[in-house]
Amino acid sequence: MSYGAKAAERLANKIILITGASSGIGEATAREFAAAANGNLRLILTARRQERLAAVSASLIKSYPAIKIHSVQLDVSKAETIQPFVDNLPSEFSDIDVLVNNAGKALGKDNIGNILESDIADMFQTNVLGLINVTQAVLPIFKKKNYGDIINLGSIAGRDPYPGGGIYCATKASVKSFSHVLRKELINTKIRVLEVDPGAVETEFSEVRFKGDKDLAKATYTGMEPLIAEDIAEIIVFGVTRRQNTVIAETLVFPSAQASATHVYKG
């Protein structure tokens, strides 16, 4: 059986929840899952921007008429909304098989001592508490059937802290520690925990970091060829479609011009 046929077979009829699915890596992951399964799956797409979710959903349905999509506006930083969201999923989407914790953000590159309190709170509430709360809400579903995949989007920043990343790096280090603990706690189950740590990926991420300054965002990648969202999506789907006994626990992904968080070649 070919790689593509195996992937489609292993994804058939699965229910996949993706946070931050309105753009960037989240959107690309939704499209990659749909392509790998030939549309034979159910997607739960969440993000803060409902209109963007609607556009992504419409595009996927146009390409894969058999696909089933439930899109819901959800801000993972608002803890009180997460359990009700999971509890109120329609029955045909409630038995989740795969959770992709993709929602996250970086805000600014200020040095410690000059970081806005609102930026500190926003990054921790989204990148750490949001990821933990979504995981805790979904995990009982996985435990009940002793099956499921949790994919946490980390970052090179969680492994290799850099000046100007005091808070963002700390949040991604938290994701790494949480993923390690969760994997160990689930060692006697068939629930897999996969962590994907990208390096430089050109998405709207940098525009958010620089608070809408597109020139500063673009300058981040000047002189190099960064990864694109589809590169990370392919790796996520590859991990999920491996044989159930195979856990690709951690994946560090760089463009060819990068060797660490700060060691980047710009020709």
Protein backbone atom coordinates (compact mmCIF):
# COMPACT_ATOMS: atom_id res chain seq x y z
CA MET A 1 0.00 0.00 0.00
CA SER A 2 1.38 3.42 -0.93
CA TYR A 3 2.18 6.15 1.62
CA GLY A 4 -0.81 8.20 0.46
CA ALA A 5 -3.20 5.25 0.68
CA LYS A 6 -1.98 4.37 4.18
CA ALA A 7 -2.41 7.96 5.36
CA ALA A 8 -5.94 8.14 3.94
CA GLU A 9 -6.86 4.83 5.56
CA ARG A 10 -5.52 5.90 8.95
CA LEU A 11 -7.36 9.23 8.83
CA ALA A 12 -10.67 7.87 7.55
CA ASN A 13 -13.64 9.23 9.51
CA LYS A 14 -11.46 10.76 12.21
CA ILE A 15 -12.56 13.88 14.08
CA ILE A 16 -9.79 16.47 14.27
CA LEU A 17 -9.87 19.63 16.40
CA ILE A 18 -7.50 22.44 15.39
CA THR A 19 -7.15 25.66 17.39
CA GLY A 20 -6.00 28.83 15.66
CA ALA A 21 -7.26 27.44 12.35
CA SER A 22 -8.17 30.69 10.61
CA SER A 23 -4.72 31.31 9.10
CA GLY A 24 -1.07 30.29 9.10
CA ILE A 25 -0.08 26.86 10.37
CA GLY A 26 -3.58 26.10 11.66
CA GLU A 27 -5.24 26.71 8.32
CA ALA A 28 -2.48 24.87 6.45
CA THR A 29 -2.88 21.89 8.80
CA ALA A 30 -6.61 21.74 8.15
CA ARG A 31 -5.97 21.73 4.41
CA GLU A 32 -3.24 19.08 4.70
CA PHE A 33 -5.46 16.76 6.75
CA ALA A 34 -8.28 17.21 4.23
CA ALA A 35 -5.97 16.42 1.32
CA ALA A 36 -4.39 13.40 3.03
CA ALA A 37 -7.82 11.94 3.85
CA ASN A 38 -9.34 12.83 0.48
CA GLY A 39 -11.97 14.71 2.46
CA ASN A 40 -13.06 11.60 4.39
CA LEU A 41 -12.90 13.11 7.88
CA ARG A 42 -14.50 15.65 10.19
CA LEU A 43 -12.78 18.90 11.12
CA ILE A 44 -13.51 21.14 14.09
CA LEU A 45 -11.93 24.48 13.27
CA THR A 46 -11.62 27.16 15.94
CA ALA A 47 -10.12 30.63 16.08
CA ARG A 48 -10.95 34.14 17.20
CA ARG A 49 -11.87 35.36 13.69
CA GLN A 50 -15.16 33.76 12.70
CA GLU A 51 -15.22 35.32 9.22
CA ARG A 52 -11.81 33.83 8.40
CA LEU A 53 -12.95 30.44 9.69
CA ALA A 54 -16.02 30.64 7.47
CA ALA A 55 -13.85 31.37 4.44
CA VAL A 56 -11.49 28.45 5.20
CA SER A 57 -14.45 26.10 5.72
CA ALA A 58 -16.12 27.16 2.48
CA SER A 59 -12.91 26.65 0.54
CA LEU A 60 -12.40 23.16 1.99
CA ILE A 61 -15.99 22.11 1.28
CA LYS A 62 -15.63 23.32 -2.30
CA SER A 63 -12.50 21.17 -2.76
CA TYR A 64 -13.79 18.16 -0.80
CA PRO A 65 -17.61 17.97 -0.97
CA ALA A 66 -17.75 14.96 1.37
CA ILE A 67 -15.84 16.65 4.19
CA LYS A 68 -17.71 17.64 7.35
CA ILE A 69 -16.67 20.83 9.12
CA HIS A 70 -17.79 22.42 12.37
CA SER A 71 -16.29 25.91 12.76
CA VAL A 72 -16.58 27.76 16.05
CA GLN A 73 -15.30 31.12 17.22
CA LEU A 74 -13.07 30.37 20.21
CA ASP A 75 -10.46 32.43 22.02
CA VAL A 76 -8.42 29.91 24.00
CA SER A 77 -7.20 32.67 26.32
CA LYS A 78 -10.73 32.87 27.77
CA ALA A 79 -10.60 29.87 30.09
CA GLU A 80 -14.28 29.96 31.01
CA THR A 81 -15.31 29.28 27.39
CA ILE A 82 -13.30 26.13 26.75
CA GLN A 83 -15.16 23.40 28.65
CA PRO A 84 -18.57 24.66 27.46
CA PHE A 85 -17.25 24.60 23.90
CA VAL A 86 -16.22 20.94 24.21
CA ASP A 87 -19.39 19.98 26.09
CA ASN A 88 -21.63 21.55 23.44
CA LEU A 89 -20.06 20.02 20.34
CA PRO A 90 -22.65 18.40 18.03
CA SER A 91 -22.83 14.65 18.54
CA GLU A 92 -21.20 13.84 15.19
CA PHE A 93 -18.16 15.94 16.22
CA SER A 94 -17.99 15.15 19.93
CA ASP A 95 -15.83 12.00 19.92
CA ILE A 96 -12.58 13.80 19.06
CA ASP A 97 -9.64 11.69 17.81
CA VAL A 98 -6.94 14.30 17.22
CA LEU A 99 -6.23 17.60 18.99
CA VAL A 100 -3.88 20.11 17.36
CA ASN A 101 -2.98 22.80 19.89
CA ASN A 102 -1.87 25.42 17.40
CA ALA A 103 -3.22 28.72 18.77
CA GLY A 104 -0.39 30.93 19.98
CA LYS A 105 1.21 34.32 19.64
CA ALA A 106 4.27 36.46 20.32
CA LEU A 107 3.88 40.13 21.21
CA GLY A 108 6.80 42.53 20.87
CA LYS A 109 10.52 41.99 21.38
CA ASP A 110 11.03 44.21 24.41
CA ASN A 111 13.76 43.37 26.90
CA ILE A 112 12.80 42.21 30.37
CA GLY A 113 11.95 45.23 32.49
CA ASN A 114 10.19 46.96 29.61
CA ILE A 115 7.55 44.37 28.72
CA LEU A 116 3.94 45.46 28.91
CA GLU A 117 1.95 43.61 31.56
CA SER A 118 -0.86 43.13 29.05
CA ASP A 119 1.54 41.42 26.63
CA ILE A 120 2.84 39.12 29.37
CA ALA A 121 -0.69 38.11 30.35
CA ASP A 122 -1.86 37.67 26.75
CA MET A 123 1.04 35.39 25.79
CA PHE A 124 0.76 33.19 28.87
CA GLN A 125 -3.03 33.00 28.69
CA THR A 126 -2.94 31.97 25.03
CA ASN A 127 0.26 29.94 24.64
CA VAL A 128 0.25 28.15 28.00
CA LEU A 129 -3.05 28.32 29.86
CA GLY A 130 -5.10 28.07 26.67
CA LEU A 131 -3.20 25.01 25.49
CA ILE A 132 -3.44 23.37 28.92
CA ASN A 133 -7.14 24.11 29.31
CA VAL A 134 -8.05 22.79 25.86
CA THR A 135 -6.00 19.66 26.53
CA GLN A 136 -7.68 19.09 29.89
CA ALA A 137 -11.11 19.49 28.32
CA VAL A 138 -10.39 16.99 25.52
CA LEU A 139 -8.29 14.46 27.42
CA PRO A 140 -11.24 12.69 29.13
CA ILE A 141 -12.61 11.88 25.66
CA PHE A 142 -9.32 10.23 24.75
CA LYS A 143 -9.03 8.40 28.05
CA LYS A 144 -12.53 6.98 27.76
CA LYS A 145 -11.63 5.18 24.53
CA ASN A 146 -7.90 4.79 25.33
CA TYR A 147 -6.99 6.42 22.03
CA GLY A 148 -6.11 9.84 20.61
CA ASP A 149 -3.36 12.14 19.40
CA ILE A 150 -2.34 15.45 20.97
CA ILE A 151 -0.11 17.67 18.85
CA ASN A 152 1.38 20.67 20.63
CA LEU A 153 2.95 23.46 18.61
CA GLY A 154 6.11 24.49 20.37
CA SER A 155 8.98 26.53 18.96
CA ILE A 156 12.74 26.71 18.74
CA ALA A 157 12.17 29.51 21.29
CA GLY A 158 11.28 26.85 23.86
CA ARG A 159 14.67 25.20 23.40
CA ASP A 160 16.96 28.15 22.63
CA PRO A 161 15.94 31.39 24.42
CA TYR A 162 17.02 34.66 22.85
CA PRO A 163 17.19 38.33 23.90
CA GLY A 164 13.85 40.04 23.37
CA GLY A 165 11.97 36.77 23.84
CA GLY A 166 11.78 36.69 27.62
CA ILE A 167 8.08 35.92 27.74
CA TYR A 168 7.50 34.13 24.44
CA CYS A 169 10.47 31.81 25.05
CA ALA A 170 9.20 31.09 28.55
CA THR A 171 5.74 30.19 27.24
CA LYS A 172 7.14 27.78 24.68
CA ALA A 173 9.45 26.22 27.28
CA SER A 174 6.28 25.67 29.31
CA VAL A 175 4.69 23.88 26.34
CA LYS A 176 7.73 21.60 26.14
CA SER A 177 7.63 20.73 29.85
CA PHE A 178 3.87 20.18 29.75
CA SER A 179 4.22 17.89 26.73
CA HIS A 180 6.95 15.83 28.44
CA VAL A 181 4.91 15.40 31.62
CA LEU A 182 1.75 14.52 29.69
CA ARG A 183 3.57 11.92 27.60
CA LYS A 184 4.93 10.29 30.76
CA GLU A 185 1.56 10.34 32.53
CA LEU A 186 -0.06 8.65 29.53
CA ILE A 187 2.62 5.98 29.13
CA ASN A 188 0.15 3.18 29.96
CA THR A 189 -2.36 4.32 27.32
CA LYS A 190 -2.59 4.47 23.54
CA ILE A 191 -2.76 8.26 23.61
CA ARG A 192 0.15 9.87 21.76
CA VAL A 193 1.69 13.27 22.53
CA LEU A 194 3.61 14.87 19.66
CA GLU A 195 5.44 18.19 19.81
CA VAL A 196 6.47 20.15 16.72
CA ASP A 197 8.99 22.97 17.21
CA PRO A 198 9.34 25.25 14.16
CA GLY A 199 12.12 27.69 13.50
CA ALA A 200 11.53 30.59 11.12
CA VAL A 201 8.13 30.24 9.41
CA GLU A 202 6.71 33.15 7.44
CA THR A 203 3.04 33.59 8.40
CA GLU A 204 0.98 36.35 10.01
CA PHE A 205 2.80 35.45 13.24
CA SER A 206 5.40 38.21 12.83
CA GLU A 207 2.75 40.78 11.99
CA VAL A 208 1.07 39.97 15.29
CA ARG A 209 4.42 40.12 17.11
CA PHE A 210 5.11 43.58 15.70
CA LYS A 211 1.50 44.65 16.26
CA GLY A 212 0.57 45.18 12.64
CA ASP A 213 3.86 46.67 11.38
CA LYS A 214 4.20 44.75 8.10
CA ASP A 215 7.60 46.25 7.28
CA LEU A 216 9.12 45.04 10.54
CA ALA A 217 7.47 41.65 10.07
CA LYS A 218 8.85 41.32 6.53
CA ALA A 219 12.33 42.37 7.65
CA THR A 220 12.47 39.31 9.91
CA TYR A 221 12.89 37.11 6.83
CA THR A 222 14.84 39.46 4.53
CA GLY A 223 17.85 37.75 2.96
CA MET A 224 16.71 34.20 3.67
CA GLU A 225 14.09 31.72 2.56
CA PRO A 226 11.96 30.86 5.61
CA LEU A 227 9.68 27.89 5.97
CA ILE A 228 6.03 28.29 5.06
CA ALA A 229 2.99 27.09 6.97
CA GLU A 230 2.53 24.10 4.66
CA ASP A 231 5.95 22.75 5.65
CA ILE A 232 4.84 22.44 9.27
CA ALA A 233 1.41 21.11 8.32
CA GLU A 234 3.00 18.27 6.37
CA ILE A 235 5.03 17.26 9.43
CA ILE A 236 1.99 17.35 11.72
CA VAL A 237 -0.03 15.13 9.39
CA PHE A 238 2.93 12.80 8.88
CA GLY A 239 3.19 12.28 12.66
CA VAL A 240 -0.51 11.59 13.06
CA THR A 241 -0.60 9.09 10.19
CA ARG A 242 2.20 6.87 11.51
CA ARG A 243 1.42 3.40 12.84
CA GLN A 244 -0.30 3.73 16.22
CA ASN A 245 2.69 2.32 18.10
CA THR A 246 4.97 5.00 16.62
CA VAL A 247 5.29 8.31 18.47
CA ILE A 248 7.26 11.10 16.81
CA ALA A 249 7.64 12.77 20.17
CA GLU A 250 9.59 15.88 19.16
CA THR A 251 10.35 17.44 15.80
CA LEU A 252 12.65 20.47 15.44
CA VAL A 253 12.19 22.07 12.02
CA PHE A 254 14.45 24.70 10.45
CA PRO A 255 14.75 26.29 7.04
CA SER A 256 18.14 25.45 5.52
CA ALA A 257 19.49 28.92 6.42
CA GLN A 258 18.88 28.44 10.15
CA ALA A 259 20.79 26.41 12.74
CA SER A 260 19.43 27.85 16.02
CA ALA A 261 17.12 30.61 17.19
CA THR A 262 19.81 33.23 16.56
CA HIS A 263 22.14 31.51 14.08
CA VAL A 264 20.57 32.46 10.75
CA TYR A 265 22.33 33.04 7.46
CA LYS A 266 21.09 36.04 5.49
CA GLY A 267 22.86 36.28 2.16
